[in-house]
Amino acid sequence: MKQLRRNLLLAAASLAFATAAHAKDPKELVIGTSSGPYSDQLKLGIKPILEKQGYKVRIVEFNDYVQPNYALAEGSLDANVFQHIVYLTKFATDNKLPLSALITVPTMPIGLYGGKQKTLAEVKNGATITMPNDPTNQARALVMLAKMGWIKLKPNADPLRASERDVLENPKKLKLVPLEAAQLPRSLADADYAFVNGNFALAAGMKLTSALAVEKISDSYINLVAIRTADKAKPWVKDLEAAYRSRAFLDATNKYLAGYEKTDYQLALEKTLKK
């Protein structure tokens, strides 16, 4: 069944790009991404840099997290930007796809936003806190609560897989309510606080900078650029990586991507520029 599903998805990806086959010109790049903030990141930050170097860049948006990797593997895309290393590694291993990470990118953190309560100091016993119900993002929310001192997790809890079963102490008797991630912005009307993923916050018209607290994103969850492993040494790959490392992209990040967590190389560049 897994092989059949894989073949069907490959066929779907091939059909979707049948009218725009993978360009043979090394100066033409097709980059896949999820619709929304990461597409905007490419359009506003990376595409202009590459076009100044003579590249023709086409950005293809996807509404799922499956097709972009298949499209990359079969050659309809040159690169994609939408996932973190945990997802890429598992997906590539499970489906035997020769894909590799190239470079990390500025990533939207999960934020804790105020609903009925507008400050962290107002937290009361029995406060209702909504959070994502998918395992990965729920773990991120629970780790944040533990770092804030609102709950305590079991000593052996895996920070990448923590669940409500790993809550050892809940002294404030917080009501933790898991919801579909897309519903979390709406929950603010009834909850005291809500954890909201950055993409859903922006889609709901919220500012990332309005969060009362944001996570320090684990290296495991920083989004990245993925490429075919066989392409690692190609000149366009080096130019793509250089675009992300550039001063121009740092400037675009500061201008357009307020609230995103910057990459280590951007923080290092900022530190150098301040000297």
C-alpha atoms as a PDB file:
ATOM      1  CA  MET A   1       0.000   0.000   0.000  1.00  0.00           C
ATOM      2  CA  LYS A   2       2.815   2.411   0.814  1.00  0.00           C
ATOM      3  CA  GLN A   3       4.429   1.827  -2.595  1.00  0.00           C
ATOM      4  CA  LEU A   4       1.071   2.301  -4.342  1.00  0.00           C
ATOM      5  CA  ARG A   5       0.473   5.553  -2.451  1.00  0.00           C
ATOM      6  CA  ARG A   6       3.951   6.735  -3.343  1.00  0.00           C
ATOM      7  CA  ASN A   7       3.405   5.956  -7.036  1.00  0.00           C
ATOM      8  CA  LEU A   8       0.077   7.793  -7.040  1.00  0.00           C
ATOM      9  CA  LEU A   9       1.618  10.856  -5.432  1.00  0.00           C
ATOM     10  CA  LEU A  10       4.514  10.820  -7.869  1.00  0.00           C
ATOM     11  CA  ALA A  11       2.059  10.618 -10.727  1.00  0.00           C
ATOM     12  CA  ALA A  12       0.074  13.514  -9.300  1.00  0.00           C
ATOM     13  CA  ALA A  13       3.190  15.627  -8.875  1.00  0.00           C
ATOM     14  CA  SER A  14       4.345  14.822 -12.405  1.00  0.00           C
ATOM     15  CA  LEU A  15       0.933  15.711 -13.814  1.00  0.00           C
ATOM     16  CA  ALA A  16       0.871  18.988 -11.925  1.00  0.00           C
ATOM     17  CA  PHE A  17       4.110  20.026 -13.538  1.00  0.00           C
ATOM     18  CA  ALA A  18       3.593  18.445 -16.943  1.00  0.00           C
ATOM     19  CA  THR A  19       3.024  21.809 -18.570  1.00  0.00           C
ATOM     20  CA  ALA A  20       6.107  23.296 -16.935  1.00  0.00           C
ATOM     21  CA  ALA A  21       8.810  20.676 -17.104  1.00  0.00           C
ATOM     22  CA  HIS A  22      11.980  21.091 -15.118  1.00  0.00           C
ATOM     23  CA  ALA A  23      14.110  23.761 -16.810  1.00  0.00           C
ATOM     24  CA  LYS A  24      17.343  22.640 -18.387  1.00  0.00           C
ATOM     25  CA  ASP A  25      18.797  26.149 -18.244  1.00  0.00           C
ATOM     26  CA  PRO A  26      20.986  26.270 -15.087  1.00  0.00           C
ATOM     27  CA  LYS A  27      19.934  29.899 -14.637  1.00  0.00           C
ATOM     28  CA  GLU A  28      16.262  28.950 -14.279  1.00  0.00           C
ATOM     29  CA  LEU A  29      15.242  27.828 -10.809  1.00  0.00           C
ATOM     30  CA  VAL A  30      11.919  26.424  -9.638  1.00  0.00           C
ATOM     31  CA  ILE A  31      11.453  26.549  -5.867  1.00  0.00           C
ATOM     32  CA  GLY A  32       8.503  24.959  -4.067  1.00  0.00           C
ATOM     33  CA  THR A  33       7.078  26.192  -0.793  1.00  0.00           C
ATOM     34  CA  SER A  34       3.931  26.262   1.313  1.00  0.00           C
ATOM     35  CA  SER A  35       1.525  29.062   0.490  1.00  0.00           C
ATOM     36  CA  GLY A  36       1.688  32.042   2.827  1.00  0.00           C
ATOM     37  CA  PRO A  37       4.616  33.358   4.897  1.00  0.00           C
ATOM     38  CA  TYR A  38       7.378  31.154   3.483  1.00  0.00           C
ATOM     39  CA  SER A  39       6.286  31.960  -0.049  1.00  0.00           C
ATOM     40  CA  ASP A  40       6.463  35.644   0.883  1.00  0.00           C
ATOM     41  CA  GLN A  41       9.931  35.090   2.344  1.00  0.00           C
ATOM     42  CA  LEU A  42      11.124  33.789  -1.010  1.00  0.00           C
ATOM     43  CA  LYS A  43       9.377  36.500  -3.035  1.00  0.00           C
ATOM     44  CA  LEU A  44      10.531  39.403  -0.897  1.00  0.00           C
ATOM     45  CA  GLY A  45      13.940  38.188   0.192  1.00  0.00           C
ATOM     46  CA  ILE A  46      15.544  35.536  -1.998  1.00  0.00           C
ATOM     47  CA  LYS A  47      14.078  35.951  -5.478  1.00  0.00           C
ATOM     48  CA  PRO A  48      15.279  39.566  -5.925  1.00  0.00           C
ATOM     49  CA  ILE A  49      18.825  38.602  -4.913  1.00  0.00           C
ATOM     50  CA  LEU A  50      19.025  35.720  -7.376  1.00  0.00           C
ATOM     51  CA  GLU A  51      17.426  37.710 -10.188  1.00  0.00           C
ATOM     52  CA  LYS A  52      20.139  40.358  -9.826  1.00  0.00           C
ATOM     53  CA  GLN A  53      22.593  37.531 -10.551  1.00  0.00           C
ATOM     54  CA  GLY A  54      20.801  36.639 -13.759  1.00  0.00           C
ATOM     55  CA  TYR A  55      18.562  33.838 -12.501  1.00  0.00           C
ATOM     56  CA  LYS A  56      14.948  33.417 -13.499  1.00  0.00           C
ATOM     57  CA  VAL A  57      13.145  32.226 -10.368  1.00  0.00           C
ATOM     58  CA  ARG A  58       9.692  30.637 -10.326  1.00  0.00           C
ATOM     59  CA  ILE A  59       7.978  29.948  -7.006  1.00  0.00           C
ATOM     60  CA  VAL A  60       5.418  27.128  -6.819  1.00  0.00           C
ATOM     61  CA  GLU A  61       3.055  27.041  -3.831  1.00  0.00           C
ATOM     62  CA  PHE A  62       1.669  23.831  -2.320  1.00  0.00           C
ATOM     63  CA  ASN A  63      -1.184  23.286   0.109  1.00  0.00           C
ATOM     64  CA  ASP A  64       0.172  20.076   1.634  1.00  0.00           C
ATOM     65  CA  TYR A  65       3.433  18.752   3.055  1.00  0.00           C
ATOM     66  CA  VAL A  66       3.685  15.671   0.827  1.00  0.00           C
ATOM     67  CA  GLN A  67       3.865  16.791  -2.790  1.00  0.00           C
ATOM     68  CA  PRO A  68       6.783  19.249  -2.407  1.00  0.00           C
ATOM     69  CA  ASN A  69       9.258  16.500  -1.537  1.00  0.00           C
ATOM     70  CA  TYR A  70       8.051  14.163  -4.268  1.00  0.00           C
ATOM     71  CA  ALA A  71       8.157  17.002  -6.800  1.00  0.00           C
ATOM     72  CA  LEU A  72      11.711  17.801  -5.695  1.00  0.00           C
ATOM     73  CA  ALA A  73      12.846  14.193  -5.906  1.00  0.00           C
ATOM     74  CA  GLU A  74      11.436  13.651  -9.412  1.00  0.00           C
ATOM     75  CA  GLY A  75      12.885  16.905 -10.764  1.00  0.00           C
ATOM     76  CA  SER A  76       9.938  19.282 -11.094  1.00  0.00           C
ATOM     77  CA  LEU A  77      11.501  21.471  -8.410  1.00  0.00           C
ATOM     78  CA  ASP A  78      15.109  22.490  -7.862  1.00  0.00           C
ATOM     79  CA  ALA A  79      14.583  23.161  -4.141  1.00  0.00           C
ATOM     80  CA  ASN A  80      11.814  23.489  -1.603  1.00  0.00           C
ATOM     81  CA  VAL A  81      11.325  25.515   1.580  1.00  0.00           C
ATOM     82  CA  PHE A  82       8.634  24.446   4.056  1.00  0.00           C
ATOM     83  CA  GLN A  83       9.918  21.803   6.487  1.00  0.00           C
ATOM     84  CA  HIS A  84      12.318  21.173   9.348  1.00  0.00           C
ATOM     85  CA  ILE A  85      15.030  18.538   9.571  1.00  0.00           C
ATOM     86  CA  VAL A  86      12.943  16.085  11.620  1.00  0.00           C
ATOM     87  CA  TYR A  87      10.238  15.977   8.953  1.00  0.00           C
ATOM     88  CA  LEU A  88      12.683  15.905   6.018  1.00  0.00           C
ATOM     89  CA  THR A  89      14.741  13.080   7.493  1.00  0.00           C
ATOM     90  CA  LYS A  90      11.716  10.905   8.273  1.00  0.00           C
ATOM     91  CA  PHE A  91       9.972  11.587   4.967  1.00  0.00           C
ATOM     92  CA  ALA A  92      13.086  10.979   2.868  1.00  0.00           C
ATOM     93  CA  THR A  93      13.937   7.799   4.791  1.00  0.00           C
ATOM     94  CA  ASP A  94      10.418   6.371   4.733  1.00  0.00           C
ATOM     95  CA  ASN A  95      10.000   7.053   1.022  1.00  0.00           C
ATOM     96  CA  LYS A  96      13.606   6.411  -0.039  1.00  0.00           C
ATOM     97  CA  LEU A  97      14.051   9.854  -1.567  1.00  0.00           C
ATOM     98  CA  PRO A  98      17.600  11.206  -2.151  1.00  0.00           C
ATOM     99  CA  LEU A  99      17.042  14.607  -0.538  1.00  0.00           C
ATOM    100  CA  SER A 100      19.307  16.699   1.666  1.00  0.00           C
ATOM    101  CA  ALA A 101      19.147  19.859   3.755  1.00  0.00           C
ATOM    102  CA  LEU A 102      21.029  22.844   2.333  1.00  0.00           C
ATOM    103  CA  ILE A 103      20.622  25.712   4.808  1.00  0.00           C
ATOM    104  CA  THR A 104      18.251  26.821   7.552  1.00  0.00           C
ATOM    105  CA  VAL A 105      15.917  29.813   7.076  1.00  0.00           C
ATOM    106  CA  PRO A 106      14.222  32.355   9.368  1.00  0.00           C
ATOM    107  CA  THR A 107      11.386  30.486  11.054  1.00  0.00           C
ATOM    108  CA  MET A 108       8.146  31.521  12.704  1.00  0.00           C
ATOM    109  CA  PRO A 109       7.994  30.456  16.357  1.00  0.00           C
ATOM    110  CA  ILE A 110       4.993  29.250  18.293  1.00  0.00           C
ATOM    111  CA  GLY A 111       3.781  32.113  20.447  1.00  0.00           C
ATOM    112  CA  LEU A 112       1.629  32.290  23.561  1.00  0.00           C
ATOM    113  CA  TYR A 113      -1.007  34.955  22.952  1.00  0.00           C
ATOM    114  CA  GLY A 114      -3.330  36.616  25.417  1.00  0.00           C
ATOM    115  CA  GLY A 115      -7.062  35.971  25.175  1.00  0.00           C
ATOM    116  CA  LYS A 116      -9.125  36.916  28.208  1.00  0.00           C
ATOM    117  CA  GLN A 117      -5.886  37.671  30.025  1.00  0.00           C
ATOM    118  CA  LYS A 118      -3.597  40.266  28.458  1.00  0.00           C
ATOM    119  CA  THR A 119      -0.407  39.693  30.431  1.00  0.00           C
ATOM    120  CA  LEU A 120       1.473  36.694  31.773  1.00  0.00           C
ATOM    121  CA  ALA A 121       1.290  38.180  35.263  1.00  0.00           C
ATOM    122  CA  GLU A 122      -2.497  37.847  35.177  1.00  0.00           C
ATOM    123  CA  VAL A 123      -2.404  34.049  34.994  1.00  0.00           C
ATOM    124  CA  LYS A 124      -4.862  32.580  37.480  1.00  0.00           C
ATOM    125  CA  ASN A 125      -5.427  29.154  38.938  1.00  0.00           C
ATOM    126  CA  GLY A 126      -7.585  27.139  36.574  1.00  0.00           C
ATOM    127  CA  ALA A 127      -6.744  29.300  33.545  1.00  0.00           C
ATOM    128  CA  THR A 128      -7.690  27.785  30.182  1.00  0.00           C
ATOM    129  CA  ILE A 129      -4.843  27.433  27.700  1.00  0.00           C
ATOM    130  CA  THR A 130      -5.480  26.134  24.192  1.00  0.00           C
ATOM    131  CA  MET A 131      -2.669  24.479  22.262  1.00  0.00           C
ATOM    132  CA  PRO A 132      -2.088  22.497  19.055  1.00  0.00           C
ATOM    133  CA  ASN A 133      -3.370  18.921  19.129  1.00  0.00           C
ATOM    134  CA  ASP A 134      -0.721  17.488  16.780  1.00  0.00           C
ATOM    135  CA  PRO A 135       2.087  15.726  18.678  1.00  0.00           C
ATOM    136  CA  THR A 136       4.988  17.848  17.423  1.00  0.00           C
ATOM    137  CA  ASN A 137       3.518  21.264  18.148  1.00  0.00           C
ATOM    138  CA  GLN A 138       1.861  20.182  21.372  1.00  0.00           C
ATOM    139  CA  ALA A 139       5.274  19.105  22.632  1.00  0.00           C
ATOM    140  CA  ARG A 140       6.658  22.541  21.758  1.00  0.00           C
ATOM    141  CA  ALA A 141       3.858  24.216  23.733  1.00  0.00           C
ATOM    142  CA  LEU A 142       4.345  22.002  26.781  1.00  0.00           C
ATOM    143  CA  VAL A 143       8.098  22.625  26.779  1.00  0.00           C
ATOM    144  CA  MET A 144       7.385  26.367  26.702  1.00  0.00           C
ATOM    145  CA  LEU A 145       5.019  26.084  29.671  1.00  0.00           C
ATOM    146  CA  ALA A 146       7.643  24.122  31.579  1.00  0.00           C
ATOM    147  CA  LYS A 147      10.333  26.744  30.858  1.00  0.00           C
ATOM    148  CA  MET A 148       7.918  29.440  32.048  1.00  0.00           C
ATOM    149  CA  GLY A 149       7.494  27.511  35.311  1.00  0.00           C
ATOM    150  CA  TRP A 150       3.749  27.037  34.878  1.00  0.00           C
ATOM    151  CA  ILE A 151       4.001  23.243  34.750  1.00  0.00           C
ATOM    152  CA  LYS A 152       6.688  20.656  35.396  1.00  0.00           C
ATOM    153  CA  LEU A 153       7.413  17.790  33.015  1.00  0.00           C
ATOM    154  CA  LYS A 154       8.693  14.367  34.001  1.00  0.00           C
ATOM    155  CA  PRO A 155      12.521  14.252  34.147  1.00  0.00           C
ATOM    156  CA  ASN A 156      12.698  11.699  31.329  1.00  0.00           C
ATOM    157  CA  ALA A 157      10.206  13.480  29.042  1.00  0.00           C
ATOM    158  CA  ASP A 158      11.447  13.808  25.459  1.00  0.00           C
ATOM    159  CA  PRO A 159      11.145  17.522  24.539  1.00  0.00           C
ATOM    160  CA  LEU A 160      10.401  16.542  20.934  1.00  0.00           C
ATOM    161  CA  ARG A 161       7.571  14.160  21.882  1.00  0.00           C
ATOM    162  CA  ALA A 162       6.235  15.416  25.208  1.00  0.00           C
ATOM    163  CA  SER A 163       2.491  15.002  25.711  1.00  0.00           C
ATOM    164  CA  GLU A 164       0.001  15.720  28.479  1.00  0.00           C
ATOM    165  CA  ARG A 165       0.951  12.323  29.945  1.00  0.00           C
ATOM    166  CA  ASP A 166       4.386  13.788  30.666  1.00  0.00           C
ATOM    167  CA  VAL A 167       3.029  16.593  32.870  1.00  0.00           C
ATOM    168  CA  LEU A 168       4.332  15.795  36.334  1.00  0.00           C
ATOM    169  CA  GLU A 169       3.077  18.876  38.182  1.00  0.00           C
ATOM    170  CA  ASN A 170       0.408  21.424  37.328  1.00  0.00           C
ATOM    171  CA  PRO A 171       0.319  23.626  40.456  1.00  0.00           C
ATOM    172  CA  LYS A 172      -1.963  26.246  38.888  1.00  0.00           C
ATOM    173  CA  LYS A 173      -4.402  23.542  37.743  1.00  0.00           C
ATOM    174  CA  LEU A 174      -4.256  24.925  34.221  1.00  0.00           C
ATOM    175  CA  LYS A 175      -6.842  23.547  31.807  1.00  0.00           C
ATOM    176  CA  LEU A 176      -4.865  22.461  28.757  1.00  0.00           C
ATOM    177  CA  VAL A 177      -7.176  22.187  25.751  1.00  0.00           C
ATOM    178  CA  PRO A 178      -5.769  20.653  22.523  1.00  0.00           C
ATOM    179  CA  LEU A 179      -7.329  21.982  19.297  1.00  0.00           C
ATOM    180  CA  GLU A 180      -6.659  21.833  15.574  1.00  0.00           C
ATOM    181  CA  ALA A 181      -3.882  24.354  14.950  1.00  0.00           C
ATOM    182  CA  ALA A 182      -5.972  26.359  12.479  1.00  0.00           C
ATOM    183  CA  GLN A 183      -8.656  26.896  15.157  1.00  0.00           C
ATOM    184  CA  LEU A 184      -6.316  28.338  17.770  1.00  0.00           C
ATOM    185  CA  PRO A 185      -6.603  32.029  16.788  1.00  0.00           C
ATOM    186  CA  ARG A 186     -10.398  31.812  17.159  1.00  0.00           C
ATOM    187  CA  SER A 187     -10.056  30.188  20.572  1.00  0.00           C
ATOM    188  CA  LEU A 188      -8.656  33.424  21.994  1.00  0.00           C
ATOM    189  CA  ALA A 189     -12.210  34.705  22.414  1.00  0.00           C
ATOM    190  CA  ASP A 190     -12.923  32.050  25.039  1.00  0.00           C
ATOM    191  CA  ALA A 191      -9.510  30.996  26.374  1.00  0.00           C
ATOM    192  CA  ASP A 192      -7.267  32.860  28.775  1.00  0.00           C
ATOM    193  CA  TYR A 193      -4.254  32.140  26.577  1.00  0.00           C
ATOM    194  CA  ALA A 194      -3.576  30.271  23.354  1.00  0.00           C
ATOM    195  CA  PHE A 195      -0.489  28.839  21.729  1.00  0.00           C
ATOM    196  CA  VAL A 196      -0.610  29.713  18.030  1.00  0.00           C
ATOM    197  CA  ASN A 197       1.761  28.640  15.255  1.00  0.00           C
ATOM    198  CA  GLY A 198       3.242  31.591  13.399  1.00  0.00           C
ATOM    199  CA  ASN A 199       1.652  30.818  10.032  1.00  0.00           C
ATOM    200  CA  PHE A 200      -1.842  30.597  11.538  1.00  0.00           C
ATOM    201  CA  ALA A 201      -1.252  33.755  13.559  1.00  0.00           C
ATOM    202  CA  LEU A 202      -0.363  35.723  10.435  1.00  0.00           C
ATOM    203  CA  ALA A 203      -3.260  34.206   8.494  1.00  0.00           C
ATOM    204  CA  ALA A 204      -5.602  35.441  11.229  1.00  0.00           C
ATOM    205  CA  GLY A 205      -4.211  38.970  11.038  1.00  0.00           C
ATOM    206  CA  MET A 206      -2.223  38.676  14.259  1.00  0.00           C
ATOM    207  CA  LYS A 207       1.265  40.120  14.636  1.00  0.00           C
ATOM    208  CA  LEU A 208       4.014  37.748  15.690  1.00  0.00           C
ATOM    209  CA  THR A 209       5.402  40.545  17.829  1.00  0.00           C
ATOM    210  CA  SER A 210       2.169  40.702  19.843  1.00  0.00           C
ATOM    211  CA  ALA A 211       2.793  37.314  21.474  1.00  0.00           C
ATOM    212  CA  LEU A 212       3.263  37.457  25.246  1.00  0.00           C
ATOM    213  CA  ALA A 213       5.973  34.803  24.997  1.00  0.00           C
ATOM    214  CA  VAL A 214       7.670  32.966  22.146  1.00  0.00           C
ATOM    215  CA  GLU A 215       9.670  29.792  22.070  1.00  0.00           C
ATOM    216  CA  LYS A 216      13.370  29.553  21.495  1.00  0.00           C
ATOM    217  CA  ILE A 217      13.048  27.215  18.538  1.00  0.00           C
ATOM    218  CA  SER A 218      14.943  23.956  18.842  1.00  0.00           C
ATOM    219  CA  ASP A 219      17.423  23.238  16.052  1.00  0.00           C
ATOM    220  CA  SER A 220      15.151  20.315  15.210  1.00  0.00           C
ATOM    221  CA  TYR A 221      12.326  22.672  14.228  1.00  0.00           C
ATOM    222  CA  ILE A 222      14.132  25.397  12.293  1.00  0.00           C
ATOM    223  CA  ASN A 223      12.844  25.337   8.711  1.00  0.00           C
ATOM    224  CA  LEU A 224      15.259  24.719   5.891  1.00  0.00           C
ATOM    225  CA  VAL A 225      15.939  24.610   2.183  1.00  0.00           C
ATOM    226  CA  ALA A 226      15.936  21.072   0.793  1.00  0.00           C
ATOM    227  CA  ILE A 227      17.606  19.991  -2.449  1.00  0.00           C
ATOM    228  CA  ARG A 228      18.351  16.750  -4.271  1.00  0.00           C
ATOM    229  CA  THR A 229      21.477  15.209  -2.796  1.00  0.00           C
ATOM    230  CA  ALA A 230      22.988  14.845  -6.274  1.00  0.00           C
ATOM    231  CA  ASP A 231      22.811  18.620  -6.817  1.00  0.00           C
ATOM    232  CA  LYS A 232      24.942  19.630  -3.826  1.00  0.00           C
ATOM    233  CA  ALA A 233      27.978  20.694  -5.870  1.00  0.00           C
ATOM    234  CA  LYS A 234      26.116  22.607  -8.580  1.00  0.00           C
ATOM    235  CA  PRO A 235      26.859  26.329  -8.957  1.00  0.00           C
ATOM    236  CA  TRP A 236      23.213  27.387  -8.515  1.00  0.00           C
ATOM    237  CA  VAL A 237      23.115  25.588  -5.153  1.00  0.00           C
ATOM    238  CA  LYS A 238      26.081  27.633  -3.949  1.00  0.00           C
ATOM    239  CA  ASP A 239      24.407  30.814  -5.212  1.00  0.00           C
ATOM    240  CA  LEU A 240      21.153  29.910  -3.449  1.00  0.00           C
ATOM    241  CA  GLU A 241      22.955  29.321  -0.160  1.00  0.00           C
ATOM    242  CA  ALA A 242      24.934  32.550  -0.584  1.00  0.00           C
ATOM    243  CA  ALA A 243      21.676  34.462  -1.113  1.00  0.00           C
ATOM    244  CA  TYR A 244      20.423  33.312   2.284  1.00  0.00           C
ATOM    245  CA  ARG A 245      23.716  34.237   3.936  1.00  0.00           C
ATOM    246  CA  SER A 246      23.813  37.685   2.350  1.00  0.00           C
ATOM    247  CA  ARG A 247      23.480  41.123   3.913  1.00  0.00           C
ATOM    248  CA  ALA A 248      20.634  41.791   1.465  1.00  0.00           C
ATOM    249  CA  PHE A 249      18.575  38.916   2.863  1.00  0.00           C
ATOM    250  CA  LEU A 250      19.326  39.995   6.436  1.00  0.00           C
ATOM    251  CA  ASP A 251      18.009  43.446   5.529  1.00  0.00           C
ATOM    252  CA  ALA A 252      14.879  41.885   3.989  1.00  0.00           C
ATOM    253  CA  THR A 253      14.388  39.780   7.131  1.00  0.00           C
ATOM    254  CA  ASN A 254      14.545  42.880   9.319  1.00  0.00           C
ATOM    255  CA  LYS A 255      12.171  44.779   7.025  1.00  0.00           C
ATOM    256  CA  TYR A 256       9.541  42.159   6.189  1.00  0.00           C
ATOM    257  CA  LEU A 257       9.833  39.305   8.684  1.00  0.00           C
ATOM    258  CA  ALA A 258       9.348  40.877  12.108  1.00  0.00           C
ATOM    259  CA  GLY A 259       8.892  38.199  14.746  1.00  0.00           C
ATOM    260  CA  TYR A 260      10.630  35.421  12.834  1.00  0.00           C
ATOM    261  CA  GLU A 261      13.495  33.714  14.628  1.00  0.00           C
ATOM    262  CA  LYS A 262      16.674  34.539  12.755  1.00  0.00           C
ATOM    263  CA  THR A 263      19.188  31.869  11.833  1.00  0.00           C
ATOM    264  CA  ASP A 264      22.554  31.452  13.512  1.00  0.00           C
ATOM    265  CA  TYR A 265      24.349  32.806  10.444  1.00  0.00           C
ATOM    266  CA  GLN A 266      22.137  35.913  10.418  1.00  0.00           C
ATOM    267  CA  LEU A 267      22.771  36.569  14.109  1.00  0.00           C
ATOM    268  CA  ALA A 268      26.506  36.159  13.491  1.00  0.00           C
ATOM    269  CA  LEU A 269      26.354  38.584  10.562  1.00  0.00           C
ATOM    270  CA  GLU A 270      24.458  41.139  12.661  1.00  0.00           C
ATOM    271  CA  LYS A 271      27.072  40.855  15.366  1.00  0.00           C
ATOM    272  CA  THR A 272      29.839  41.470  12.836  1.00  0.00           C
ATOM    273  CA  LEU A 273      28.056  44.503  11.374  1.00  0.00           C
ATOM    274  CA  LYS A 274      27.688  46.093  14.820  1.00  0.00           C
ATOM    275  CA  LYS A 275      31.424  46.029  15.474  1.00  0.00           C
END
